[in-house]
Amino acid sequence: MKILGVTSCPTGVAHTNMAAKALVKAGEKLGHTVKVEKQGALGIQNRLTKEEIAEADVIIFAVEQKVREENRFKGKVIYKVSVSAPIKNGVKVIEDALKLI
């Protein structure tokens, strides 16, 4: 499966990065490709391309604030959780997201 993520916390530093790493690690453990866009104080990092978004099976929003440029994801399957959810249990977040497909 091709899984994308967007992570963001109020300051956009520590939890944003920890959640992104947790999603990638959990994806690898489950045998899936995961790419995560980080949104925060430094703007949008590791921006997801139109092609990546089009090819994604599911997109996980692990956020505590509004996703920037959210209209890019219109029509896609989106699973929204708190930014702390993947840090606590990334495997569960991915498994729950895949149930939406």
PDB file of N, CA and C in Angstrom:
ATOM      1  N   MET A   1       0.832  -1.183   0.000  1.00  0.00           N
ATOM      2  CA  MET A   1       0.000   0.000   0.000  1.00  0.00           C
ATOM      3  C   MET A   1       0.877   1.246   0.000  1.00  0.00           C
ATOM      4  N   LYS A   2       0.367   2.285  -0.635  1.00  0.00           N
ATOM      5  CA  LYS A   2       1.045   3.576  -0.610  1.00  0.00           C
ATOM      6  C   LYS A   2       0.299   4.460   0.373  1.00  0.00           C
ATOM      7  N   ILE A   3       1.004   4.819   1.428  1.00  0.00           N
ATOM      8  CA  ILE A   3       0.417   5.600   2.508  1.00  0.00           C
ATOM      9  C   ILE A   3       1.166   6.921   2.604  1.00  0.00           C
ATOM     10  N   LEU A   4       0.399   7.997   2.698  1.00  0.00           N
ATOM     11  CA  LEU A   4       0.989   9.309   2.907  1.00  0.00           C
ATOM     12  C   LEU A   4       0.553   9.819   4.263  1.00  0.00           C
ATOM     13  N   GLY A   5       1.331  10.732   4.803  1.00  0.00           N
ATOM     14  CA  GLY A   5       0.976  11.347   6.067  1.00  0.00           C
ATOM     15  C   GLY A   5       1.252  12.829   6.050  1.00  0.00           C
ATOM     16  N   VAL A   6       0.533  13.547   6.885  1.00  0.00           N
ATOM     17  CA  VAL A   6       0.801  14.954   7.149  1.00  0.00           C
ATOM     18  C   VAL A   6       0.820  15.084   8.660  1.00  0.00           C
ATOM     19  N   THR A   7       1.918  15.615   9.192  1.00  0.00           N
ATOM     20  CA  THR A   7       2.012  15.800  10.635  1.00  0.00           C
ATOM     21  C   THR A   7       2.172  17.287  10.943  1.00  0.00           C
ATOM     22  N   SER A   8       1.568  17.696  12.063  1.00  0.00           N
ATOM     23  CA  SER A   8       1.654  19.094  12.464  1.00  0.00           C
ATOM     24  C   SER A   8       1.230  19.237  13.917  1.00  0.00           C
ATOM     25  N   CYS A   9       2.037  19.962  14.671  1.00  0.00           N
ATOM     26  CA  CYS A   9       1.674  20.298  16.046  1.00  0.00           C
ATOM     27  C   CYS A   9       1.666  21.820  16.154  1.00  0.00           C
ATOM     28  N   PRO A  10       1.180  22.368  17.252  1.00  0.00           N
ATOM     29  CA  PRO A  10       1.067  23.832  17.352  1.00  0.00           C
ATOM     30  C   PRO A  10       2.365  24.589  17.063  1.00  0.00           C
ATOM     31  N   THR A  11       3.499  24.103  17.533  1.00  0.00           N
ATOM     32  CA  THR A  11       4.755  24.797  17.236  1.00  0.00           C
ATOM     33  C   THR A  11       5.436  24.230  16.000  1.00  0.00           C
ATOM     34  N   GLY A  12       5.073  23.021  15.626  1.00  0.00           N
ATOM     35  CA  GLY A  12       5.593  22.443  14.394  1.00  0.00           C
ATOM     36  C   GLY A  12       7.031  21.982  14.464  1.00  0.00           C
ATOM     37  N   VAL A  13       7.458  21.544  15.624  1.00  0.00           N
ATOM     38  CA  VAL A  13       8.843  21.105  15.737  1.00  0.00           C
ATOM     39  C   VAL A  13       8.903  19.676  16.284  1.00  0.00           C
ATOM     40  N   ALA A  14       8.951  19.511  17.570  1.00  0.00           N
ATOM     41  CA  ALA A  14       9.215  18.206  18.175  1.00  0.00           C
ATOM     42  C   ALA A  14       8.173  17.142  17.821  1.00  0.00           C
ATOM     43  N   HIS A  15       6.924  17.375  18.171  1.00  0.00           N
ATOM     44  CA  HIS A  15       5.912  16.341  17.938  1.00  0.00           C
ATOM     45  C   HIS A  15       5.669  16.097  16.451  1.00  0.00           C
ATOM     46  N   THR A  16       5.792  17.144  15.651  1.00  0.00           N
ATOM     47  CA  THR A  16       5.646  16.990  14.199  1.00  0.00           C
ATOM     48  C   THR A  16       6.670  15.988  13.676  1.00  0.00           C
ATOM     49  N   ASN A  17       7.910  16.156  14.080  1.00  0.00           N
ATOM     50  CA  ASN A  17       8.980  15.262  13.626  1.00  0.00           C
ATOM     51  C   ASN A  17       8.854  13.866  14.221  1.00  0.00           C
ATOM     52  N   MET A  18       8.502  13.788  15.496  1.00  0.00           N
ATOM     53  CA  MET A  18       8.365  12.474  16.139  1.00  0.00           C
ATOM     54  C   MET A  18       7.232  11.671  15.500  1.00  0.00           C
ATOM     55  N   ALA A  19       6.117  12.321  15.204  1.00  0.00           N
ATOM     56  CA  ALA A  19       4.988  11.633  14.574  1.00  0.00           C
ATOM     57  C   ALA A  19       5.357  11.163  13.171  1.00  0.00           C
ATOM     58  N   ALA A  20       6.079  11.994  12.425  1.00  0.00           N
ATOM     59  CA  ALA A  20       6.505  11.613  11.076  1.00  0.00           C
ATOM     60  C   ALA A  20       7.399  10.380  11.121  1.00  0.00           C
ATOM     61  N   LYS A  21       8.367  10.388  12.008  1.00  0.00           N
ATOM     62  CA  LYS A  21       9.275   9.240  12.135  1.00  0.00           C
ATOM     63  C   LYS A  21       8.519   7.986  12.557  1.00  0.00           C
ATOM     64  N   ALA A  22       7.560   8.144  13.453  1.00  0.00           N
ATOM     65  CA  ALA A  22       6.784   6.999  13.932  1.00  0.00           C
ATOM     66  C   ALA A  22       5.956   6.383  12.802  1.00  0.00           C
ATOM     67  N   LEU A  23       5.372   7.214  11.954  1.00  0.00           N
ATOM     68  CA  LEU A  23       4.577   6.685  10.834  1.00  0.00           C
ATOM     69  C   LEU A  23       5.457   5.932   9.833  1.00  0.00           C
ATOM     70  N   VAL A  24       6.604   6.490   9.519  1.00  0.00           N
ATOM     71  CA  VAL A  24       7.520   5.831   8.586  1.00  0.00           C
ATOM     72  C   VAL A  24       7.993   4.493   9.151  1.00  0.00           C
ATOM     73  N   LYS A  25       8.378   4.496  10.412  1.00  0.00           N
ATOM     74  CA  LYS A  25       8.859   3.272  11.069  1.00  0.00           C
ATOM     75  C   LYS A  25       7.756   2.202  11.122  1.00  0.00           C
ATOM     76  N   ALA A  26       6.539   2.608  11.475  1.00  0.00           N
ATOM     77  CA  ALA A  26       5.415   1.666  11.542  1.00  0.00           C
ATOM     78  C   ALA A  26       5.094   1.113  10.158  1.00  0.00           C
ATOM     79  N   GLY A  27       5.161   1.969   9.153  1.00  0.00           N
ATOM     80  CA  GLY A  27       4.913   1.520   7.785  1.00  0.00           C
ATOM     81  C   GLY A  27       5.915   0.472   7.352  1.00  0.00           C
ATOM     82  N   GLU A  28       7.183   0.703   7.647  1.00  0.00           N
ATOM     83  CA  GLU A  28       8.230  -0.262   7.310  1.00  0.00           C
ATOM     84  C   GLU A  28       7.981  -1.595   8.011  1.00  0.00           C
ATOM     85  N   LYS A  29       7.592  -1.516   9.271  1.00  0.00           N
ATOM     86  CA  LYS A  29       7.320  -2.724  10.048  1.00  0.00           C
ATOM     87  C   LYS A  29       6.191  -3.546   9.423  1.00  0.00           C
ATOM     88  N   LEU A  30       5.190  -2.838   8.860  1.00  0.00           N
ATOM     89  CA  LEU A  30       4.039  -3.519   8.264  1.00  0.00           C
ATOM     90  C   LEU A  30       4.229  -3.812   6.780  1.00  0.00           C
ATOM     91  N   GLY A  31       5.352  -3.393   6.209  1.00  0.00           N
ATOM     92  CA  GLY A  31       5.634  -3.670   4.805  1.00  0.00           C
ATOM     93  C   GLY A  31       5.013  -2.692   3.823  1.00  0.00           C
ATOM     94  N   HIS A  32       4.734  -1.465   4.272  1.00  0.00           N
ATOM     95  CA  HIS A  32       4.126  -0.453   3.413  1.00  0.00           C
ATOM     96  C   HIS A  32       5.089   0.704   3.188  1.00  0.00           C
ATOM     97  N   THR A  33       4.908   1.388   2.073  1.00  0.00           N
ATOM     98  CA  THR A  33       5.658   2.598   1.787  1.00  0.00           C
ATOM     99  C   THR A  33       4.924   3.776   2.402  1.00  0.00           C
ATOM    100  N   VAL A  34       5.629   4.570   3.196  1.00  0.00           N
ATOM    101  CA  VAL A  34       5.027   5.735   3.841  1.00  0.00           C
ATOM    102  C   VAL A  34       5.918   6.947   3.599  1.00  0.00           C
ATOM    103  N   LYS A  35       5.304   8.029   3.134  1.00  0.00           N
ATOM    104  CA  LYS A  35       6.004   9.312   3.007  1.00  0.00           C
ATOM    105  C   LYS A  35       5.193  10.334   3.783  1.00  0.00           C
ATOM    106  N   VAL A  36       5.883  11.174   4.543  1.00  0.00           N
ATOM    107  CA  VAL A  36       5.195  12.118   5.422  1.00  0.00           C
ATOM    108  C   VAL A  36       5.639  13.552   5.136  1.00  0.00           C
ATOM    109  N   GLU A  37       4.646  14.418   5.006  1.00  0.00           N
ATOM    110  CA  GLU A  37       4.872  15.858   4.884  1.00  0.00           C
ATOM    111  C   GLU A  37       4.760  16.456   6.276  1.00  0.00           C
ATOM    112  N   LYS A  38       5.738  17.285   6.636  1.00  0.00           N
ATOM    113  CA  LYS A  38       5.717  17.929   7.945  1.00  0.00           C
ATOM    114  C   LYS A  38       5.362  19.403   7.770  1.00  0.00           C
ATOM    115  N   GLN A  39       4.397  19.867   8.571  1.00  0.00           N
ATOM    116  CA  GLN A  39       3.981  21.260   8.514  1.00  0.00           C
ATOM    117  C   GLN A  39       4.203  21.887   9.877  1.00  0.00           C
ATOM    118  N   GLY A  40       4.880  23.021   9.886  1.00  0.00           N
ATOM    119  CA  GLY A  40       5.136  23.659  11.167  1.00  0.00           C
ATOM    120  C   GLY A  40       5.781  25.012  11.029  1.00  0.00           C
ATOM    121  N   ALA A  41       6.582  25.340  12.002  1.00  0.00           N
ATOM    122  CA  ALA A  41       7.213  26.652  12.080  1.00  0.00           C
ATOM    123  C   ALA A  41       8.095  26.944  10.865  1.00  0.00           C
ATOM    124  N   LEU A  42       8.632  25.919  10.258  1.00  0.00           N
ATOM    125  CA  LEU A  42       9.508  26.095   9.098  1.00  0.00           C
ATOM    126  C   LEU A  42       8.744  26.003   7.778  1.00  0.00           C
ATOM    127  N   GLY A  43       7.424  26.011   7.855  1.00  0.00           N
ATOM    128  CA  GLY A  43       6.614  25.887   6.645  1.00  0.00           C
ATOM    129  C   GLY A  43       6.325  24.430   6.346  1.00  0.00           C
ATOM    130  N   ILE A  44       6.195  24.106   5.069  1.00  0.00           N
ATOM    131  CA  ILE A  44       5.936  22.725   4.658  1.00  0.00           C
ATOM    132  C   ILE A  44       7.252  22.087   4.252  1.00  0.00           C
ATOM    133  N   GLN A  45       7.592  20.988   4.927  1.00  0.00           N
ATOM    134  CA  GLN A  45       8.819  20.250   4.619  1.00  0.00           C
ATOM    135  C   GLN A  45       8.434  18.892   4.042  1.00  0.00           C
ATOM    136  N   ASN A  46       9.242  18.417   3.099  1.00  0.00           N
ATOM    137  CA  ASN A  46       9.013  17.116   2.469  1.00  0.00           C
ATOM    138  C   ASN A  46       7.636  17.110   1.778  1.00  0.00           C
ATOM    139  N   ARG A  47       7.356  18.190   1.049  1.00  0.00           N
ATOM    140  CA  ARG A  47       6.056  18.400   0.403  1.00  0.00           C
ATOM    141  C   ARG A  47       5.665  17.209  -0.472  1.00  0.00           C
ATOM    142  N   LEU A  48       4.420  16.781  -0.299  1.00  0.00           N
ATOM    143  CA  LEU A  48       3.885  15.686  -1.105  1.00  0.00           C
ATOM    144  C   LEU A  48       3.524  16.227  -2.492  1.00  0.00           C
ATOM    145  N   THR A  49       3.895  15.492  -3.521  1.00  0.00           N
ATOM    146  CA  THR A  49       3.631  15.935  -4.888  1.00  0.00           C
ATOM    147  C   THR A  49       2.222  15.547  -5.325  1.00  0.00           C
ATOM    148  N   LYS A  50       1.752  16.162  -6.387  1.00  0.00           N
ATOM    149  CA  LYS A  50       0.441  15.821  -6.946  1.00  0.00           C
ATOM    150  C   LYS A  50       0.399  14.351  -7.319  1.00  0.00           C
ATOM    151  N   GLU A  51       1.485  13.845  -7.885  1.00  0.00           N
ATOM    152  CA  GLU A  51       1.549  12.453  -8.298  1.00  0.00           C
ATOM    153  C   GLU A  51       1.476  11.508  -7.103  1.00  0.00           C
ATOM    154  N   GLU A  52       2.210  11.831  -6.043  1.00  0.00           N
ATOM    155  CA  GLU A  52       2.183  11.001  -4.838  1.00  0.00           C
ATOM    156  C   GLU A  52       0.785  10.975  -4.235  1.00  0.00           C
ATOM    157  N   ILE A  53       0.153  12.135  -4.194  1.00  0.00           N
ATOM    158  CA  ILE A  53      -1.198  12.210  -3.639  1.00  0.00           C
ATOM    159  C   ILE A  53      -2.161  11.389  -4.492  1.00  0.00           C
ATOM    160  N   ALA A  54      -2.044  11.506  -5.801  1.00  0.00           N
ATOM    161  CA  ALA A  54      -2.930  10.761  -6.703  1.00  0.00           C
ATOM    162  C   ALA A  54      -2.772   9.252  -6.538  1.00  0.00           C
ATOM    163  N   GLU A  55      -1.553   8.790  -6.289  1.00  0.00           N
ATOM    164  CA  GLU A  55      -1.267   7.351  -6.182  1.00  0.00           C
ATOM    165  C   GLU A  55      -1.512   6.782  -4.787  1.00  0.00           C
ATOM    166  N   ALA A  56      -1.722   7.625  -3.798  1.00  0.00           N
ATOM    167  CA  ALA A  56      -1.866   7.162  -2.411  1.00  0.00           C
ATOM    168  C   ALA A  56      -3.158   6.378  -2.211  1.00  0.00           C
ATOM    169  N   ASP A  57      -3.052   5.307  -1.426  1.00  0.00           N
ATOM    170  CA  ASP A  57      -4.222   4.526  -1.054  1.00  0.00           C
ATOM    171  C   ASP A  57      -4.969   5.188   0.101  1.00  0.00           C
ATOM    172  N   VAL A  58      -4.229   5.798   1.013  1.00  0.00           N
ATOM    173  CA  VAL A  58      -4.816   6.477   2.168  1.00  0.00           C
ATOM    174  C   VAL A  58      -3.843   7.556   2.638  1.00  0.00           C
ATOM    175  N   ILE A  59      -4.409   8.607   3.233  1.00  0.00           N
ATOM    176  CA  ILE A  59      -3.592   9.694   3.765  1.00  0.00           C
ATOM    177  C   ILE A  59      -3.938   9.871   5.238  1.00  0.00           C
ATOM    178  N   ILE A  60      -2.912   9.879   6.070  1.00  0.00           N
ATOM    179  CA  ILE A  60      -3.095  10.036   7.512  1.00  0.00           C
ATOM    180  C   ILE A  60      -2.740  11.470   7.897  1.00  0.00           C
ATOM    181  N   PHE A  61      -3.695  12.175   8.477  1.00  0.00           N
ATOM    182  CA  PHE A  61      -3.441  13.494   9.044  1.00  0.00           C
ATOM    183  C   PHE A  61      -3.237  13.301  10.541  1.00  0.00           C
ATOM    184  N   ALA A  62      -2.006  13.423  11.011  1.00  0.00           N
ATOM    185  CA  ALA A  62      -1.705  13.389  12.445  1.00  0.00           C
ATOM    186  C   ALA A  62      -1.406  14.826  12.829  1.00  0.00           C
ATOM    187  N   VAL A  63      -2.459  15.545  13.181  1.00  0.00           N
ATOM    188  CA  VAL A  63      -2.348  17.001  13.312  1.00  0.00           C
ATOM    189  C   VAL A  63      -3.082  17.532  14.537  1.00  0.00           C
ATOM    190  N   GLU A  64      -2.659  18.710  14.947  1.00  0.00           N
ATOM    191  CA  GLU A  64      -3.317  19.429  16.040  1.00  0.00           C
ATOM    192  C   GLU A  64      -3.823  20.776  15.559  1.00  0.00           C
ATOM    193  N   GLN A  65      -3.684  21.039  14.270  1.00  0.00           N
ATOM    194  CA  GLN A  65      -4.166  22.295  13.701  1.00  0.00           C
ATOM    195  C   GLN A  65      -4.566  22.049  12.256  1.00  0.00           C
ATOM    196  N   LYS A  66      -5.114  23.050  11.605  1.00  0.00           N
ATOM    197  CA  LYS A  66      -5.596  22.911  10.235  1.00  0.00           C
ATOM    198  C   LYS A  66      -4.441  22.562   9.293  1.00  0.00           C
ATOM    199  N   VAL A  67      -4.689  21.619   8.407  1.00  0.00           N
ATOM    200  CA  VAL A  67      -3.696  21.224   7.413  1.00  0.00           C
ATOM    201  C   VAL A  67      -3.587  22.334   6.370  1.00  0.00           C
ATOM    202  N   ARG A  68      -2.380  22.764   6.100  1.00  0.00           N
ATOM    203  CA  ARG A  68      -2.157  23.797   5.088  1.00  0.00           C
ATOM    204  C   ARG A  68      -2.417  23.209   3.699  1.00  0.00           C
ATOM    205  N   GLU A  69      -3.050  23.995   2.855  1.00  0.00           N
ATOM    206  CA  GLU A  69      -3.334  23.590   1.475  1.00  0.00           C
ATOM    207  C   GLU A  69      -4.082  22.252   1.425  1.00  0.00           C
ATOM    208  N   GLU A  70      -5.032  22.090   2.339  1.00  0.00           N
ATOM    209  CA  GLU A  70      -5.769  20.829   2.471  1.00  0.00           C
ATOM    210  C   GLU A  70      -6.524  20.452   1.199  1.00  0.00           C
ATOM    211  N   ASN A  71      -6.857  21.431   0.375  1.00  0.00           N
ATOM    212  CA  ASN A  71      -7.588  21.147  -0.867  1.00  0.00           C
ATOM    213  C   ASN A  71      -6.812  20.221  -1.808  1.00  0.00           C
ATOM    214  N   ARG A  72      -5.502  20.082  -1.626  1.00  0.00           N
ATOM    215  CA  ARG A  72      -4.700  19.151  -2.446  1.00  0.00           C
ATOM    216  C   ARG A  72      -5.146  17.708  -2.266  1.00  0.00           C
ATOM    217  N   PHE A  73      -5.792  17.417  -1.143  1.00  0.00           N
ATOM    218  CA  PHE A  73      -6.153  16.044  -0.796  1.00  0.00           C
ATOM    219  C   PHE A  73      -7.632  15.731  -1.060  1.00  0.00           C
ATOM    220  N   LYS A  74      -8.320  16.641  -1.711  1.00  0.00           N
ATOM    221  CA  LYS A  74      -9.752  16.471  -1.986  1.00  0.00           C
ATOM    222  C   LYS A  74      -9.997  15.172  -2.752  1.00  0.00           C
ATOM    223  N   GLY A  75     -10.981  14.412  -2.276  1.00  0.00           N
ATOM    224  CA  GLY A  75     -11.345  13.165  -2.930  1.00  0.00           C
ATOM    225  C   GLY A  75     -10.549  11.950  -2.477  1.00  0.00           C
ATOM    226  N   LYS A  76      -9.575  12.136  -1.620  1.00  0.00           N
ATOM    227  CA  LYS A  76      -8.753  11.024  -1.132  1.00  0.00           C
ATOM    228  C   LYS A  76      -9.318  10.488   0.192  1.00  0.00           C
ATOM    229  N   VAL A  77      -8.992   9.239   0.490  1.00  0.00           N
ATOM    230  CA  VAL A  77      -9.362   8.661   1.777  1.00  0.00           C
ATOM    231  C   VAL A  77      -8.419   9.240   2.825  1.00  0.00           C
ATOM    232  N   ILE A  78      -8.999   9.909   3.832  1.00  0.00           N
ATOM    233  CA  ILE A  78      -8.200  10.567   4.871  1.00  0.00           C
ATOM    234  C   ILE A  78      -8.585  10.027   6.242  1.00  0.00           C
ATOM    235  N   TYR A  79      -7.567   9.686   7.012  1.00  0.00           N
ATOM    236  CA  TYR A  79      -7.756   9.228   8.388  1.00  0.00           C
ATOM    237  C   TYR A  79      -7.094  10.278   9.281  1.00  0.00           C
ATOM    238  N   LYS A  80      -7.889  10.921  10.139  1.00  0.00           N
ATOM    239  CA  LYS A  80      -7.362  12.004  10.968  1.00  0.00           C
ATOM    240  C   LYS A  80      -7.248  11.566  12.424  1.00  0.00           C
ATOM    241  N   VAL A  81      -6.058  11.802  12.996  1.00  0.00           N
ATOM    242  CA  VAL A  81      -5.779  11.481  14.398  1.00  0.00           C
ATOM    243  C   VAL A  81      -4.985  12.633  15.011  1.00  0.00           C
ATOM    244  N   SER A  82      -4.814  12.586  16.314  1.00  0.00           N
ATOM    245  CA  SER A  82      -3.976  13.586  16.974  1.00  0.00           C
ATOM    246  C   SER A  82      -2.512  13.338  16.614  1.00  0.00           C
ATOM    247  N   VAL A  83      -1.708  14.349  16.754  1.00  0.00           N
ATOM    248  CA  VAL A  83      -0.290  14.208  16.435  1.00  0.00           C
ATOM    249  C   VAL A  83       0.393  13.199  17.371  1.00  0.00           C
ATOM    250  N   SER A  84      -0.164  13.008  18.544  1.00  0.00           N
ATOM    251  CA  SER A  84       0.444  12.071  19.492  1.00  0.00           C
ATOM    252  C   SER A  84       0.095  10.607  19.193  1.00  0.00           C
ATOM    253  N   ALA A  85      -0.965  10.365  18.437  1.00  0.00           N
ATOM    254  CA  ALA A  85      -1.398   8.979  18.182  1.00  0.00           C
ATOM    255  C   ALA A  85      -0.321   8.111  17.542  1.00  0.00           C
ATOM    256  N   PRO A  86       0.353   8.544  16.471  1.00  0.00           N
ATOM    257  CA  PRO A  86       1.388   7.675  15.907  1.00  0.00           C
ATOM    258  C   PRO A  86       2.614   7.542  16.802  1.00  0.00           C
ATOM    259  N   ILE A  87       2.860   8.540  17.628  1.00  0.00           N
ATOM    260  CA  ILE A  87       3.991   8.459  18.556  1.00  0.00           C
ATOM    261  C   ILE A  87       3.725   7.343  19.571  1.00  0.00           C
ATOM    262  N   LYS A  88       2.482   7.251  20.023  1.00  0.00           N
ATOM    263  CA  LYS A  88       2.098   6.218  20.993  1.00  0.00           C
ATOM    264  C   LYS A  88       2.008   4.839  20.356  1.00  0.00           C
ATOM    265  N   ASN A  89       1.422   4.761  19.143  1.00  0.00           N
ATOM    266  CA  ASN A  89       1.234   3.459  18.502  1.00  0.00           C
ATOM    267  C   ASN A  89       1.031   3.643  16.997  1.00  0.00           C
ATOM    268  N   GLY A  90       2.134   3.807  16.283  1.00  0.00           N
ATOM    269  CA  GLY A  90       2.088   4.030  14.844  1.00  0.00           C
ATOM    270  C   GLY A  90       1.485   2.879  14.066  1.00  0.00           C
ATOM    271  N   VAL A  91       1.744   1.659  14.517  1.00  0.00           N
ATOM    272  CA  VAL A  91       1.198   0.483  13.832  1.00  0.00           C
ATOM    273  C   VAL A  91      -0.324   0.514  13.872  1.00  0.00           C
ATOM    274  N   LYS A  92      -0.888   0.813  15.031  1.00  0.00           N
ATOM    275  CA  LYS A  92      -2.353   0.876  15.158  1.00  0.00           C
ATOM    276  C   LYS A  92      -2.933   1.964  14.268  1.00  0.00           C
ATOM    277  N   VAL A  93      -2.286   3.117  14.204  1.00  0.00           N
ATOM    278  CA  VAL A  93      -2.775   4.211  13.365  1.00  0.00           C
ATOM    279  C   VAL A  93      -2.830   3.768  11.907  1.00  0.00           C
ATOM    280  N   ILE A  94      -1.774   3.129  11.429  1.00  0.00           N
ATOM    281  CA  ILE A  94      -1.761   2.674  10.037  1.00  0.00           C
ATOM    282  C   ILE A  94      -2.800   1.582   9.813  1.00  0.00           C
ATOM    283  N   GLU A  95      -2.895   0.628  10.722  1.00  0.00           N
ATOM    284  CA  GLU A  95      -3.883  -0.437  10.573  1.00  0.00           C
ATOM    285  C   GLU A  95      -5.307   0.133  10.544  1.00  0.00           C
ATOM    286  N   ASP A  96      -5.591   1.100  11.417  1.00  0.00           N
ATOM    287  CA  ASP A  96      -6.923   1.731  11.437  1.00  0.00           C
ATOM    288  C   ASP A  96      -7.176   2.512  10.150  1.00  0.00           C
ATOM    289  N   ALA A  97      -6.166   3.193   9.642  1.00  0.00           N
ATOM    290  CA  ALA A  97      -6.312   3.950   8.397  1.00  0.00           C
ATOM    291  C   ALA A  97      -6.617   3.015   7.226  1.00  0.00           C
ATOM    292  N   LEU A  98      -5.953   1.876   7.193  1.00  0.00           N
ATOM    293  CA  LEU A  98      -6.160   0.922   6.092  1.00  0.00           C
ATOM    294  C   LEU A  98      -7.553   0.297   6.113  1.00  0.00           C
ATOM    295  N   LYS A  99      -8.201   0.310   7.261  1.00  0.00           N
ATOM    296  CA  LYS A  99      -9.564  -0.218   7.355  1.00  0.00           C
ATOM    297  C   LYS A  99     -10.549   0.658   6.582  1.00  0.00           C
ATOM    298  N   LEU A 100     -10.170   1.894   6.278  1.00  0.00           N
ATOM    299  CA  LEU A 100     -11.045   2.810   5.560  1.00  0.00           C
ATOM    300  C   LEU A 100     -11.065   2.569   4.046  1.00  0.00           C
ATOM    301  N   ILE A 101     -10.129   1.795   3.580  1.00  0.00           N
ATOM    302  CA  ILE A 101     -10.014   1.560   2.134  1.00  0.00           C
ATOM    303  C   ILE A 101     -11.046   0.549   1.682  1.00  0.00           C
TER     304      ILE A 101
END
